[in-house]
Amino acid sequence: MPIDFAAKKALFHLPEGLIYLDGNSLGPMVRTAPARVDQAMQAEWGDLLIRGWNKAGWMAQPRALGDRIARLIGAEPGTVVLGDTLSIKVYQALASALEMNPRRKVVLSDTGNFPSDLYMAEGLTRTLGGQYRLKTVAPEEAMSAIDETVAVVMLTEVDYRTGRRHHMADITKCAHEMGALVVWDLAHSAGALPVDLAGVKADFAVGCTYKYLNSGPGGPAFIYVAPRHADVARPALSGWLGHAAPFAFDQSYRPGQGIERMRVGTPPVLQLAALDAALDVWDDVDLREVHAQSLRLQDQFIKGVESRAPMLQLATPRSHQMRGSQVSFRHPEGYAIMQALIAEGVIGDFRAPDILRFGFTPLFIDEDDVARAIGILARIMDYGTWDKPEFKLRAAVT
């Protein structure tokens, strides 16, 4: 049954008149989230207290919600677990993959990868010492750079700045043929476009839930481990909830079975409650239809901006096959332009050095929103209203 996008939009809390083109950075709240979190606080935490771990199912949430996310990323049941932050999950996946390929010492990534992923790789290779190192190449050179020295290819499927999309199937196949493992970061993929981890035979994948999956600021991350690796991969971060018997309180670590071993610390119960509510919106969604509609909205935006604000330079690929769910334009005064847009009720964001970034999530963005955003941006550029001191003052978060 086709998605009723208007009905889906009504499920999100969005301030009246606001055009929110930043769901690729922080997804808006679903309307049922406050009640679900209130239930977790009052009826569960408040009344059950510590009994909530058993009676309210808190301990099972990371796996149960992981299975719901698994459907959205083409993963097998029982292969995804939630908890901790995305950076921690990147570290876990990368460390496990490196240990599984001990004769090789190179982590290959690209210069468009999110810096935190690169920082995690730098820190891990420094800790391991010896000949371990991180090698980065231009995004379009990633596949050709995979050689017999590469232990792990670590890439984010969709570039956080430009929206450029890697071809996951081709890169994974090439890496495997060259004897390398692959870690995919799905931060800008999960909930935005179709992903088929099982079909492409991915090794590891990680992602966050506070962008397209609407779990709220600081929402927990997830990790996927392919079934063929699940009982082989050893977690570098040997947390007590990844232990085979957490409440045996053994003095030494024994990894749990399968994906359970990738748990680290105590689950963020209140944040998981918000995610639980958000996933109700996603449970009946076909990501192919979502991405197709997103691409239509993107095309509308690109055409309108290039026609009415030609001084902005498109940074996003024109090819649908190479595009995620965002559109980016370049301008030397990108930060000030974005602040002027925000002041007029169009919220996107800025990425250094010159990127204006706009997310197109059709569950809460429609053609009228896009048309209005184009008009406001064109007016700001025509009249130069971005050129004010208050719009050039950099905030802590851009």
Protein backbone atom coordinates (compact mmCIF):
# COMPACT_ATOMS: atom_id res chain seq x y z
CA MET A 1 0.00 0.00 0.00
CA PRO A 2 1.50 3.39 -0.98
CA ILE A 3 2.63 5.67 1.82
CA ASP A 4 0.19 8.43 2.74
CA PHE A 5 2.84 11.11 3.22
CA ALA A 6 0.36 13.72 4.46
CA ALA A 7 -0.83 11.33 7.17
CA LYS A 8 2.75 10.58 8.15
CA LYS A 9 3.58 14.29 8.39
CA ALA A 10 0.75 14.72 10.91
CA LEU A 11 2.54 12.26 13.22
CA PHE A 12 5.43 14.68 13.80
CA HIS A 13 5.55 17.70 16.06
CA LEU A 14 6.66 20.66 13.94
CA PRO A 15 6.22 24.31 14.96
CA GLU A 16 3.62 26.13 12.87
CA GLY A 17 5.08 27.75 9.75
CA LEU A 18 8.54 26.26 10.18
CA ILE A 19 10.21 24.49 7.26
CA TYR A 20 12.51 21.88 8.78
CA LEU A 21 15.21 20.77 6.35
CA ASP A 22 17.58 19.45 9.01
CA GLY A 23 16.17 16.01 9.78
CA ASN A 24 19.46 14.61 8.48
CA SER A 25 21.11 16.16 11.55
CA LEU A 26 18.39 15.87 14.20
CA GLY A 27 15.03 14.35 13.38
CA PRO A 28 11.91 16.05 14.74
CA MET A 29 9.94 14.56 17.61
CA VAL A 30 7.06 12.21 16.90
CA ARG A 31 3.91 13.29 18.69
CA THR A 32 3.61 10.10 20.73
CA ALA A 33 7.14 10.32 22.15
CA PRO A 34 6.32 12.49 25.22
CA ALA A 35 3.60 10.08 26.39
CA ARG A 36 5.84 7.06 25.81
CA VAL A 37 8.72 8.65 27.72
CA ASP A 38 6.31 9.77 30.46
CA GLN A 39 5.13 6.17 30.77
CA ALA A 40 8.73 5.02 31.12
CA MET A 41 9.35 7.66 33.76
CA GLN A 42 6.18 7.44 35.82
CA ALA A 43 4.67 3.97 35.46
CA GLU A 44 7.98 2.19 34.96
CA TRP A 45 10.82 4.08 36.68
CA GLY A 46 8.49 5.87 39.12
CA ASP A 47 6.34 2.96 40.24
CA LEU A 48 8.41 -0.10 39.44
CA LEU A 49 11.78 1.37 40.37
CA ILE A 50 14.51 -1.23 39.88
CA ARG A 51 11.87 -3.86 39.13
CA GLY A 52 11.51 -2.16 35.75
CA TRP A 53 14.52 -4.05 34.43
CA ASN A 54 12.48 -7.24 34.56
CA LYS A 55 8.83 -6.20 34.65
CA ALA A 56 9.05 -3.40 32.04
CA GLY A 57 11.49 -5.25 29.80
CA TRP A 58 14.24 -2.66 29.98
CA MET A 59 17.02 -5.24 29.64
CA ALA A 60 15.52 -6.65 26.44
CA GLN A 61 14.98 -3.28 24.74
CA PRO A 62 18.36 -3.02 22.95
CA ARG A 63 17.75 -6.29 21.09
CA ALA A 64 14.01 -5.81 20.55
CA LEU A 65 14.44 -2.35 19.05
CA GLY A 66 17.49 -3.61 17.19
CA ASP A 67 15.28 -6.06 15.34
CA ARG A 68 12.95 -3.24 14.32
CA ILE A 69 15.89 -1.28 12.95
CA ALA A 70 17.22 -4.42 11.25
CA ARG A 71 14.21 -4.37 8.90
CA LEU A 72 15.11 -0.84 7.84
CA ILE A 73 18.71 -1.70 7.00
CA GLY A 74 18.23 -5.09 5.39
CA ALA A 75 19.76 -7.00 8.29
CA GLU A 76 18.92 -10.48 9.50
CA PRO A 77 16.88 -10.81 12.74
CA GLY A 78 19.05 -10.97 15.83
CA THR A 79 22.01 -9.14 14.29
CA VAL A 80 21.48 -5.58 15.55
CA VAL A 81 21.75 -4.22 19.07
CA LEU A 82 21.40 -0.69 20.45
CA GLY A 83 23.36 1.24 23.04
CA ASP A 84 26.19 3.69 23.62
CA THR A 85 27.20 6.32 21.04
CA LEU A 86 28.03 6.01 17.37
CA SER A 87 31.72 6.71 17.99
CA ILE A 88 31.85 3.82 20.46
CA LYS A 89 30.14 1.52 17.97
CA VAL A 90 32.61 2.56 15.25
CA TYR A 91 35.48 1.72 17.59
CA GLN A 92 33.95 -1.64 18.49
CA ALA A 93 33.33 -2.68 14.91
CA LEU A 94 36.72 -1.51 13.69
CA ALA A 95 38.64 -3.18 16.51
CA SER A 96 36.83 -6.47 15.98
CA ALA A 97 37.42 -6.36 12.25
CA LEU A 98 41.13 -5.62 12.64
CA GLU A 99 41.57 -8.52 15.04
CA MET A 100 39.86 -10.81 12.53
CA ASN A 101 42.37 -9.84 9.83
CA PRO A 102 45.64 -9.85 11.84
CA ARG A 103 48.15 -10.10 8.99
CA ARG A 104 47.13 -6.71 7.59
CA LYS A 105 47.61 -3.35 9.24
CA VAL A 106 45.85 -0.71 7.11
CA VAL A 107 42.44 0.85 7.73
CA LEU A 108 41.21 2.45 4.50
CA SER A 109 38.72 5.30 4.60
CA ASP A 110 37.97 8.43 2.59
CA THR A 111 38.50 12.13 3.15
CA GLY A 112 34.74 12.73 3.10
CA ASN A 113 34.13 10.46 6.06
CA PHE A 114 32.76 11.98 9.23
CA PRO A 115 35.72 13.20 11.30
CA SER A 116 34.71 11.29 14.43
CA ASP A 117 35.01 8.01 12.52
CA LEU A 118 38.50 9.00 11.41
CA TYR A 119 39.42 10.06 14.95
CA MET A 120 38.32 6.66 16.26
CA ALA A 121 40.45 4.95 13.64
CA GLU A 122 43.44 7.17 14.38
CA GLY A 123 43.17 6.51 18.09
CA LEU A 124 42.78 2.76 17.67
CA THR A 125 45.71 2.38 15.27
CA ARG A 126 47.86 4.50 17.58
CA THR A 127 46.93 2.27 20.52
CA LEU A 128 47.71 -0.88 18.55
CA GLY A 129 51.07 0.56 17.52
CA GLY A 130 53.45 -1.21 15.20
CA GLN A 131 52.60 -0.78 11.55
CA TYR A 132 48.90 -0.11 12.03
CA ARG A 133 47.79 3.04 10.23
CA LEU A 134 44.81 4.85 8.77
CA LYS A 135 44.93 5.63 5.06
CA THR A 136 42.47 8.08 3.50
CA VAL A 137 41.79 8.76 -0.17
CA ALA A 138 39.29 10.88 -2.07
CA PRO A 139 35.78 9.35 -1.92
CA GLU A 140 35.73 8.51 -5.62
CA GLU A 141 39.05 6.65 -5.23
CA ALA A 142 37.99 4.44 -2.32
CA MET A 143 37.31 1.26 -4.26
CA SER A 144 40.43 1.47 -6.44
CA ALA A 145 42.56 1.97 -3.30
CA ILE A 146 41.63 -1.42 -1.83
CA ASP A 147 44.72 -3.61 -2.14
CA GLU A 148 46.39 -6.55 -0.39
CA THR A 149 47.61 -4.33 2.49
CA VAL A 150 44.11 -3.25 3.58
CA ALA A 151 42.67 -5.06 6.58
CA VAL A 152 39.46 -3.06 6.92
CA VAL A 153 37.59 -0.64 4.68
CA MET A 154 35.69 1.84 6.87
CA LEU A 155 33.28 4.10 5.02
CA THR A 156 30.15 6.13 5.62
CA GLU A 157 27.72 5.22 2.85
CA VAL A 158 26.45 8.80 2.40
CA ASP A 159 28.89 11.71 2.71
CA TYR A 160 27.74 13.97 5.55
CA ARG A 161 28.71 17.14 3.67
CA THR A 162 27.80 16.57 0.03
CA GLY A 163 25.28 13.73 0.18
CA ARG A 164 27.40 11.69 -2.24
CA ARG A 165 26.58 7.98 -1.93
CA HIS A 166 29.05 5.11 -2.14
CA HIS A 167 28.00 1.98 -4.01
CA MET A 168 27.86 -0.39 -1.05
CA ALA A 169 27.49 -3.63 -3.00
CA ASP A 170 30.40 -2.98 -5.36
CA ILE A 171 32.78 -1.78 -2.66
CA THR A 172 31.95 -4.66 -0.33
CA LYS A 173 32.43 -7.19 -3.12
CA CYS A 174 35.77 -5.63 -4.10
CA ALA A 175 36.98 -5.58 -0.49
CA HIS A 176 36.12 -9.23 0.02
CA GLU A 177 37.85 -10.22 -3.22
CA MET A 178 40.97 -8.44 -1.93
CA GLY A 179 40.75 -10.15 1.47
CA ALA A 180 39.54 -7.10 3.45
CA LEU A 181 36.57 -6.68 5.79
CA VAL A 182 34.19 -3.72 5.61
CA VAL A 183 32.64 -1.50 8.28
CA TRP A 184 29.77 0.65 6.98
CA ASP A 185 28.57 3.75 8.85
CA LEU A 186 24.85 4.19 8.14
CA ALA A 187 24.39 7.49 9.99
CA HIS A 188 22.96 9.12 6.85
CA SER A 189 21.38 5.97 5.44
CA ALA A 190 19.23 4.33 8.14
CA GLY A 191 15.71 5.63 7.65
CA ALA A 192 16.71 7.63 4.57
CA LEU A 193 17.22 5.08 1.82
CA PRO A 194 17.05 1.34 1.16
CA VAL A 195 19.95 -0.63 2.65
CA ASP A 196 20.56 -4.36 2.14
CA LEU A 197 23.29 -5.41 4.55
CA ALA A 198 22.50 -9.11 4.24
CA GLY A 199 22.25 -8.96 0.46
CA VAL A 200 25.60 -7.25 -0.04
CA LYS A 201 27.22 -9.52 2.57
CA ALA A 202 28.37 -6.62 4.75
CA ASP A 203 30.63 -7.55 7.67
CA PHE A 204 29.84 -4.81 10.18
CA ALA A 205 27.63 -1.74 10.18
CA VAL A 206 26.94 1.02 12.67
CA GLY A 207 24.59 3.96 12.78
CA CYS A 208 22.76 6.49 14.91
CA THR A 209 19.06 6.88 15.63
CA TYR A 210 18.70 10.61 16.30
CA LYS A 211 18.71 11.66 12.64
CA TYR A 212 16.21 9.96 10.33
CA LEU A 213 14.94 7.60 13.05
CA ASN A 214 13.85 10.43 15.38
CA SER A 215 14.99 9.10 18.77
CA GLY A 216 15.91 12.59 20.02
CA PRO A 217 19.19 14.38 20.80
CA GLY A 218 21.80 11.94 22.05
CA GLY A 219 19.75 8.91 21.01
CA PRO A 220 21.55 5.56 21.17
CA ALA A 221 23.56 4.09 18.32
CA PHE A 222 23.31 0.61 16.84
CA ILE A 223 25.76 -2.00 15.63
CA TYR A 224 25.29 -4.84 13.14
CA VAL A 225 27.49 -7.92 12.95
CA ALA A 226 26.97 -10.41 10.12
CA PRO A 227 25.82 -13.82 11.40
CA ARG A 228 28.98 -15.48 10.06
CA HIS A 229 31.06 -13.25 12.34
CA ALA A 230 28.74 -13.04 15.34
CA ASP A 231 30.44 -15.68 17.47
CA VAL A 232 33.94 -14.91 16.18
CA ALA A 233 34.20 -11.15 16.56
CA ARG A 234 35.64 -10.24 19.95
CA PRO A 235 34.54 -6.92 21.42
CA ALA A 236 37.44 -4.64 22.27
CA LEU A 237 35.18 -2.83 24.74
CA SER A 238 34.30 -5.72 27.02
CA GLY A 239 31.44 -4.19 28.95
CA TRP A 240 29.53 -6.07 31.61
CA LEU A 241 26.33 -6.27 29.56
CA GLY A 242 28.25 -7.94 26.76
CA HIS A 243 29.29 -10.69 29.18
CA ALA A 244 27.82 -14.17 28.73
CA ALA A 245 26.33 -13.92 32.25
CA PRO A 246 26.29 -10.28 33.43
CA PHE A 247 24.78 -11.07 36.82
CA ALA A 248 27.19 -13.87 37.59
CA PHE A 249 29.67 -11.05 38.25
CA ASP A 250 32.63 -13.10 37.10
CA GLN A 251 36.04 -11.56 37.58
CA SER A 252 37.03 -12.28 33.97
CA TYR A 253 35.20 -11.58 30.73
CA ARG A 254 33.36 -14.21 28.69
CA PRO A 255 31.70 -12.82 25.58
CA GLY A 256 27.96 -13.29 25.20
CA GLN A 257 26.42 -15.13 22.30
CA GLY A 258 26.15 -13.43 18.93
CA ILE A 259 25.25 -9.75 18.86
CA GLU A 260 24.79 -9.70 22.65
CA ARG A 261 28.57 -9.46 23.04
CA MET A 262 28.50 -6.03 21.40
CA ARG A 263 26.58 -4.55 24.31
CA VAL A 264 28.74 -2.44 26.58
CA GLY A 265 27.05 -0.31 29.22
CA THR A 266 23.63 0.09 30.80
CA PRO A 267 20.89 0.80 28.21
CA PRO A 268 19.58 4.42 28.08
CA VAL A 269 16.03 3.44 29.00
CA LEU A 270 14.36 6.84 28.59
CA GLN A 271 15.97 7.46 25.21
CA LEU A 272 14.99 3.98 24.08
CA ALA A 273 11.41 4.78 25.03
CA ALA A 274 11.48 7.78 22.68
CA LEU A 275 12.94 5.58 19.94
CA ASP A 276 10.25 2.96 20.56
CA ALA A 277 7.59 5.59 19.85
CA ALA A 278 9.43 6.87 16.78
CA LEU A 279 9.79 3.42 15.24
CA ASP A 280 6.00 3.05 15.28
CA VAL A 281 6.04 5.62 12.45
CA TRP A 282 8.60 3.57 10.53
CA ASP A 283 7.32 0.02 11.01
CA ASP A 284 5.06 0.06 7.92
CA VAL A 285 7.32 2.21 5.71
CA ASP A 286 8.93 1.03 2.47
CA LEU A 287 12.31 2.77 2.25
CA ARG A 288 12.30 2.50 -1.53
CA GLU A 289 9.22 4.68 -1.67
CA VAL A 290 10.61 7.08 0.92
CA HIS A 291 13.85 7.59 -1.00
CA ALA A 292 12.07 7.95 -4.35
CA GLN A 293 9.94 10.75 -2.91
CA SER A 294 13.00 12.31 -1.29
CA LEU A 295 14.75 12.40 -4.67
CA ARG A 296 11.72 14.12 -6.23
CA LEU A 297 11.82 16.78 -3.52
CA GLN A 298 15.56 17.16 -3.97
CA ASP A 299 15.18 17.61 -7.72
CA GLN A 300 12.53 20.27 -7.12
CA PHE A 301 14.86 22.10 -4.74
CA ILE A 302 17.93 21.88 -6.99
CA LYS A 303 16.02 23.13 -10.01
CA GLY A 304 14.48 26.01 -8.07
CA VAL A 305 17.70 27.14 -6.38
CA GLU A 306 19.77 26.96 -9.56
CA SER A 307 17.12 28.99 -11.38
CA ARG A 308 16.55 31.64 -8.74
CA ALA A 309 19.85 31.73 -6.81
CA PRO A 310 22.52 30.81 -9.40
CA MET A 311 25.32 32.21 -7.23
CA LEU A 312 25.05 29.06 -5.11
CA GLN A 313 27.08 26.10 -6.42
CA LEU A 314 25.64 22.59 -6.20
CA ALA A 315 27.90 20.23 -4.21
CA THR A 316 25.63 17.18 -4.37
CA PRO A 317 25.82 14.70 -7.27
CA ARG A 318 23.09 15.07 -9.87
CA SER A 319 22.85 11.32 -10.39
CA HIS A 320 20.07 9.72 -8.34
CA GLN A 321 22.20 6.59 -7.92
CA MET A 322 24.93 8.62 -6.21
CA ARG A 323 22.70 10.67 -3.92
CA GLY A 324 21.44 10.19 -0.38
CA SER A 325 18.63 12.26 1.11
CA GLN A 326 20.24 15.67 1.34
CA VAL A 327 21.24 18.49 -0.99
CA SER A 328 24.23 20.73 -0.38
CA PHE A 329 25.21 24.01 -2.00
CA ARG A 330 28.48 25.89 -1.66
CA HIS A 331 28.97 29.61 -1.06
CA PRO A 332 31.85 31.50 0.61
CA GLU A 333 29.31 33.07 2.99
CA GLY A 334 27.44 29.84 3.58
CA TYR A 335 27.29 30.23 7.36
CA ALA A 336 25.72 33.71 7.25
CA ILE A 337 23.27 32.66 4.54
CA MET A 338 22.13 29.72 6.64
CA GLN A 339 21.62 31.92 9.69
CA ALA A 340 19.52 34.30 7.60
CA LEU A 341 17.44 31.35 6.41
CA ILE A 342 16.94 30.11 9.96
CA ALA A 343 15.84 33.59 11.02
CA GLU A 344 13.12 33.37 8.37
CA GLY A 345 11.90 29.96 9.42
CA VAL A 346 13.84 27.65 7.08
CA ILE A 347 16.12 25.40 9.13
CA GLY A 348 19.04 23.65 7.48
CA ASP A 349 22.62 23.63 8.69
CA PHE A 350 26.17 24.60 7.75
CA ARG A 351 29.25 22.45 7.37
CA ALA A 352 32.68 23.98 7.09
CA PRO A 353 34.15 25.43 5.07
CA ASP A 354 31.30 26.55 2.79
CA ILE A 355 28.45 24.02 2.72
CA LEU A 356 24.77 24.86 3.14
CA ARG A 357 23.13 21.51 3.86
CA PHE A 358 19.45 20.66 3.46
CA GLY A 359 17.78 17.34 4.33
CA PHE A 360 14.71 16.05 2.48
CA THR A 361 12.72 13.61 4.58
CA PRO A 362 9.32 13.13 2.90
CA LEU A 363 7.66 11.79 6.03
CA PHE A 364 7.44 15.42 7.18
CA ILE A 365 8.55 17.54 4.18
CA ASP A 366 6.34 18.11 1.13
CA GLU A 367 6.34 20.02 -2.17
CA ASP A 368 4.83 23.14 -0.63
CA ASP A 369 7.59 23.25 1.99
CA VAL A 370 10.22 22.97 -0.73
CA ALA A 371 8.63 25.71 -2.86
CA ARG A 372 8.46 28.07 0.11
CA ALA A 373 12.09 27.33 1.05
CA ILE A 374 13.24 28.11 -2.50
CA GLY A 375 11.38 31.43 -2.44
CA ILE A 376 12.84 32.49 0.91
CA LEU A 377 16.38 31.51 -0.09
CA ALA A 378 16.06 33.38 -3.40
CA ARG A 379 14.87 36.51 -1.63
CA ILE A 380 17.74 36.37 0.86
CA MET A 381 20.24 36.09 -1.99
CA ASP A 382 18.56 38.76 -4.14
CA TYR A 383 18.50 41.35 -1.38
CA GLY A 384 21.70 40.31 0.41
CA THR A 385 19.90 40.16 3.75
CA TRP A 386 22.45 37.56 4.93
CA ASP A 387 25.11 40.29 5.04
CA LYS A 388 24.55 41.36 8.64
CA PRO A 389 26.91 41.09 11.64
CA GLU A 390 24.48 38.97 13.65
CA PHE A 391 24.40 36.32 10.94
CA LYS A 392 28.19 36.05 10.84
CA LEU A 393 28.64 35.45 14.56
CA ARG A 394 29.51 31.74 14.89
CA ALA A 395 27.55 29.72 17.45
CA ALA A 396 28.99 26.66 19.20
CA VAL A 397 26.89 24.33 17.00
CA THR A 398 26.74 25.12 13.29
